[in-house]
């Protein structure tokens, strides 16, 4: 199984429905949906995120894709 990655970022600003994050030590810009952040955060706030691999969701998506492709090709599952 793949290990989770922990990331630090700072909220640079908000644009429309997105937060512009400065991610990591090199402060690379990344857009993130503001609705996905905890309430009450402001520009200049520092955040931590953890990203991990979801094997169960990946498998389910692959199975659904296969089912849909089979249906388009005229096969029934």
N, C-alpha and C. Protein backbone atom coordinates (compact mmCIF):
# COMPACT_ATOMS: atom_id res chain seq x y z
N UNK A 1 0.84 -1.19 0.00
CA UNK A 1 0.00 0.00 0.00
C UNK A 1 0.88 1.24 0.00
N UNK A 2 0.42 2.27 -0.64
CA UNK A 2 1.17 3.51 -0.74
C UNK A 2 0.99 4.33 0.54
N UNK A 3 2.06 4.99 0.95
CA UNK A 3 2.01 5.81 2.16
C UNK A 3 1.35 7.16 1.88
N UNK A 4 0.77 7.72 2.92
CA UNK A 4 0.16 9.05 2.81
C UNK A 4 1.27 10.09 2.74
N UNK A 5 0.96 11.18 2.05
CA UNK A 5 1.89 12.30 1.93
C UNK A 5 1.29 13.47 2.71
N UNK A 6 2.09 14.06 3.58
CA UNK A 6 1.64 15.22 4.34
C UNK A 6 2.21 16.48 3.69
N UNK A 7 1.33 17.46 3.48
CA UNK A 7 1.69 18.67 2.76
C UNK A 7 1.31 19.89 3.62
N UNK A 8 2.18 20.87 3.60
CA UNK A 8 1.89 22.14 4.26
C UNK A 8 1.67 23.20 3.19
N UNK A 9 0.76 24.13 3.46
CA UNK A 9 0.47 25.20 2.51
C UNK A 9 0.01 26.43 3.28
N UNK A 10 0.04 27.54 2.59
CA UNK A 10 -0.49 28.79 3.14
C UNK A 10 -1.52 29.32 2.14
N UNK A 11 -2.60 29.87 2.67
CA UNK A 11 -3.62 30.45 1.81
C UNK A 11 -3.13 31.82 1.37
N UNK A 12 -2.87 31.96 0.07
CA UNK A 12 -2.39 33.22 -0.48
C UNK A 12 -3.54 34.20 -0.67
N UNK A 13 -4.62 33.70 -1.29
CA UNK A 13 -5.77 34.55 -1.57
C UNK A 13 -6.95 33.68 -2.01
N UNK A 14 -8.10 34.31 -2.11
CA UNK A 14 -9.29 33.64 -2.63
C UNK A 14 -9.65 34.27 -3.97
N UNK A 15 -9.98 33.45 -4.96
CA UNK A 15 -10.44 33.90 -6.27
C UNK A 15 -11.70 33.14 -6.61
N UNK A 16 -12.79 33.86 -6.74
CA UNK A 16 -14.10 33.25 -7.01
C UNK A 16 -14.38 32.19 -5.94
N UNK A 17 -14.57 30.96 -6.35
CA UNK A 17 -14.90 29.88 -5.42
C UNK A 17 -13.67 29.08 -5.00
N UNK A 18 -12.48 29.58 -5.32
CA UNK A 18 -11.25 28.84 -5.06
C UNK A 18 -10.32 29.57 -4.11
N UNK A 19 -9.50 28.79 -3.43
CA UNK A 19 -8.41 29.34 -2.63
C UNK A 19 -7.12 29.09 -3.41
N UNK A 20 -6.27 30.11 -3.48
CA UNK A 20 -4.97 29.94 -4.10
C UNK A 20 -4.01 29.61 -2.96
N UNK A 21 -3.46 28.39 -3.02
CA UNK A 21 -2.56 27.92 -1.98
C UNK A 21 -1.12 28.01 -2.46
N UNK A 22 -0.21 28.33 -1.56
CA UNK A 22 1.22 28.25 -1.81
C UNK A 22 1.68 26.99 -1.09
N UNK A 23 2.02 25.98 -1.88
CA UNK A 23 2.24 24.63 -1.35
C UNK A 23 3.72 24.31 -1.22
N UNK A 24 4.08 23.75 -0.06
CA UNK A 24 5.43 23.26 0.18
C UNK A 24 6.44 24.38 0.40
N UNK A 25 7.69 23.96 0.58
CA UNK A 25 8.75 24.92 0.84
C UNK A 25 9.00 25.85 -0.34
N UNK A 26 8.79 25.34 -1.56
CA UNK A 26 9.01 26.17 -2.75
C UNK A 26 7.79 27.01 -3.11
N UNK A 27 6.72 26.90 -2.32
CA UNK A 27 5.50 27.69 -2.44
C UNK A 27 4.93 27.70 -3.87
N UNK A 28 4.75 26.52 -4.42
CA UNK A 28 4.11 26.42 -5.73
C UNK A 28 2.62 26.70 -5.60
N UNK A 29 2.08 27.43 -6.54
CA UNK A 29 0.67 27.80 -6.49
C UNK A 29 -0.20 26.62 -6.89
N UNK A 30 -1.29 26.46 -6.17
CA UNK A 30 -2.29 25.44 -6.50
C UNK A 30 -3.66 26.00 -6.16
N UNK A 31 -4.63 25.72 -7.03
CA UNK A 31 -6.01 26.13 -6.78
C UNK A 31 -6.70 24.99 -6.03
N UNK A 32 -7.52 25.35 -5.06
CA UNK A 32 -8.25 24.37 -4.28
C UNK A 32 -9.64 24.93 -4.03
N UNK A 33 -10.68 24.12 -4.17
CA UNK A 33 -12.04 24.63 -3.91
C UNK A 33 -12.16 25.15 -2.47
N UNK A 34 -12.56 26.39 -2.33
CA UNK A 34 -12.68 27.00 -1.00
C UNK A 34 -13.68 26.23 -0.14
N UNK A 35 -14.69 25.65 -0.76
CA UNK A 35 -15.70 24.88 -0.01
C UNK A 35 -15.09 23.64 0.65
N UNK A 36 -13.94 23.19 0.17
CA UNK A 36 -13.28 22.02 0.74
C UNK A 36 -12.38 22.33 1.92
N UNK A 37 -12.26 23.60 2.27
CA UNK A 37 -11.45 24.01 3.41
C UNK A 37 -12.33 24.19 4.65
N UNK A 38 -11.75 24.05 5.84
CA UNK A 38 -12.52 24.32 7.05
C UNK A 38 -13.03 25.77 7.05
N UNK A 39 -14.18 25.98 7.66
CA UNK A 39 -14.76 27.33 7.72
C UNK A 39 -13.87 28.26 8.55
N UNK A 40 -13.91 29.53 8.19
CA UNK A 40 -13.24 30.55 8.99
C UNK A 40 -11.78 30.81 8.64
N UNK A 41 -11.25 30.11 7.64
CA UNK A 41 -9.86 30.35 7.26
C UNK A 41 -9.76 31.64 6.44
N UNK A 42 -8.60 32.29 6.55
CA UNK A 42 -8.37 33.56 5.87
C UNK A 42 -7.05 33.54 5.15
N UNK A 43 -6.83 34.56 4.33
CA UNK A 43 -5.54 34.73 3.66
C UNK A 43 -4.45 34.79 4.73
N UNK A 44 -3.36 34.09 4.45
CA UNK A 44 -2.24 34.06 5.39
C UNK A 44 -2.28 32.89 6.36
N UNK A 45 -3.42 32.19 6.45
CA UNK A 45 -3.51 31.04 7.35
C UNK A 45 -2.73 29.87 6.77
N UNK A 46 -2.05 29.15 7.66
CA UNK A 46 -1.28 27.96 7.27
C UNK A 46 -2.14 26.73 7.51
N UNK A 47 -2.06 25.79 6.59
CA UNK A 47 -2.85 24.56 6.69
C UNK A 47 -1.96 23.35 6.45
N UNK A 48 -2.43 22.20 6.90
CA UNK A 48 -1.78 20.92 6.64
C UNK A 48 -2.79 20.02 5.97
N UNK A 49 -2.32 19.27 4.98
CA UNK A 49 -3.18 18.33 4.27
C UNK A 49 -2.49 16.98 4.22
N UNK A 50 -3.29 15.95 4.16
CA UNK A 50 -2.75 14.60 4.00
C UNK A 50 -3.43 13.98 2.79
N UNK A 51 -2.62 13.48 1.87
CA UNK A 51 -3.14 12.85 0.67
C UNK A 51 -2.76 11.38 0.70
N UNK A 52 -3.75 10.53 0.52
CA UNK A 52 -3.48 9.09 0.54
C UNK A 52 -4.22 8.41 -0.61
N UNK A 53 -3.72 7.26 -0.97
CA UNK A 53 -4.27 6.44 -2.04
C UNK A 53 -5.50 5.71 -1.53
N UNK A 54 -6.59 5.75 -2.29
CA UNK A 54 -7.83 5.08 -1.92
C UNK A 54 -8.03 3.89 -2.87
N UNK A 55 -7.50 2.74 -2.47
CA UNK A 55 -7.55 1.54 -3.32
C UNK A 55 -8.99 1.10 -3.59
N UNK A 56 -9.84 1.18 -2.59
CA UNK A 56 -11.23 0.74 -2.74
C UNK A 56 -11.97 1.60 -3.77
N UNK A 57 -11.81 2.92 -3.70
CA UNK A 57 -12.46 3.82 -4.65
C UNK A 57 -11.89 3.64 -6.05
N UNK A 58 -10.58 3.43 -6.14
CA UNK A 58 -9.95 3.21 -7.44
C UNK A 58 -10.49 1.95 -8.10
N UNK A 59 -10.59 0.87 -7.33
CA UNK A 59 -11.10 -0.39 -7.87
C UNK A 59 -12.55 -0.23 -8.32
N UNK A 60 -13.38 0.44 -7.51
CA UNK A 60 -14.78 0.65 -7.86
C UNK A 60 -14.91 1.47 -9.14
N UNK A 61 -14.09 2.50 -9.30
CA UNK A 61 -14.13 3.34 -10.50
C UNK A 61 -13.72 2.54 -11.73
N UNK A 62 -12.70 1.71 -11.59
CA UNK A 62 -12.25 0.89 -12.71
C UNK A 62 -13.32 -0.12 -13.12
N UNK A 63 -13.99 -0.72 -12.14
CA UNK A 63 -15.05 -1.67 -12.43
C UNK A 63 -16.23 -0.98 -13.12
N UNK A 64 -16.57 0.23 -12.67
CA UNK A 64 -17.67 0.98 -13.29
C UNK A 64 -17.31 1.38 -14.72
N UNK A 65 -16.07 1.78 -14.94
CA UNK A 65 -15.62 2.13 -16.29
C UNK A 65 -15.71 0.92 -17.21
N UNK A 66 -15.28 -0.23 -16.75
CA UNK A 66 -15.35 -1.46 -17.54
C UNK A 66 -16.80 -1.79 -17.86
N UNK A 67 -17.68 -1.66 -16.88
CA UNK A 67 -19.10 -1.95 -17.09
C UNK A 67 -19.70 -1.01 -18.14
N UNK A 68 -19.38 0.27 -18.05
CA UNK A 68 -19.91 1.24 -19.01
C UNK A 68 -19.37 1.00 -20.42
N UNK A 69 -18.09 0.71 -20.52
CA UNK A 69 -17.50 0.42 -21.84
C UNK A 69 -18.12 -0.84 -22.45
N UNK A 70 -18.32 -1.86 -21.63
CA UNK A 70 -18.97 -3.08 -22.12
C UNK A 70 -20.38 -2.79 -22.62
N UNK A 71 -21.11 -1.93 -21.89
CA UNK A 71 -22.47 -1.58 -22.30
C UNK A 71 -22.45 -0.82 -23.62
N UNK A 72 -21.49 0.07 -23.79
CA UNK A 72 -21.38 0.83 -25.04
C UNK A 72 -21.03 -0.08 -26.22
N UNK A 73 -20.29 -1.13 -25.93
CA UNK A 73 -19.89 -2.07 -26.99
C UNK A 73 -20.98 -3.11 -27.25
N UNK A 74 -22.10 -3.03 -26.54
CA UNK A 74 -23.21 -3.94 -26.76
C UNK A 74 -23.17 -5.22 -25.95
N UNK A 75 -22.27 -5.28 -24.98
CA UNK A 75 -22.21 -6.47 -24.12
C UNK A 75 -23.02 -6.18 -22.86
N UNK A 76 -23.54 -7.20 -22.31
CA UNK A 76 -24.29 -7.07 -21.04
C UNK A 76 -23.49 -7.75 -19.94
N UNK A 77 -23.50 -7.11 -18.74
CA UNK A 77 -22.83 -7.75 -17.61
C UNK A 77 -23.84 -8.32 -16.64
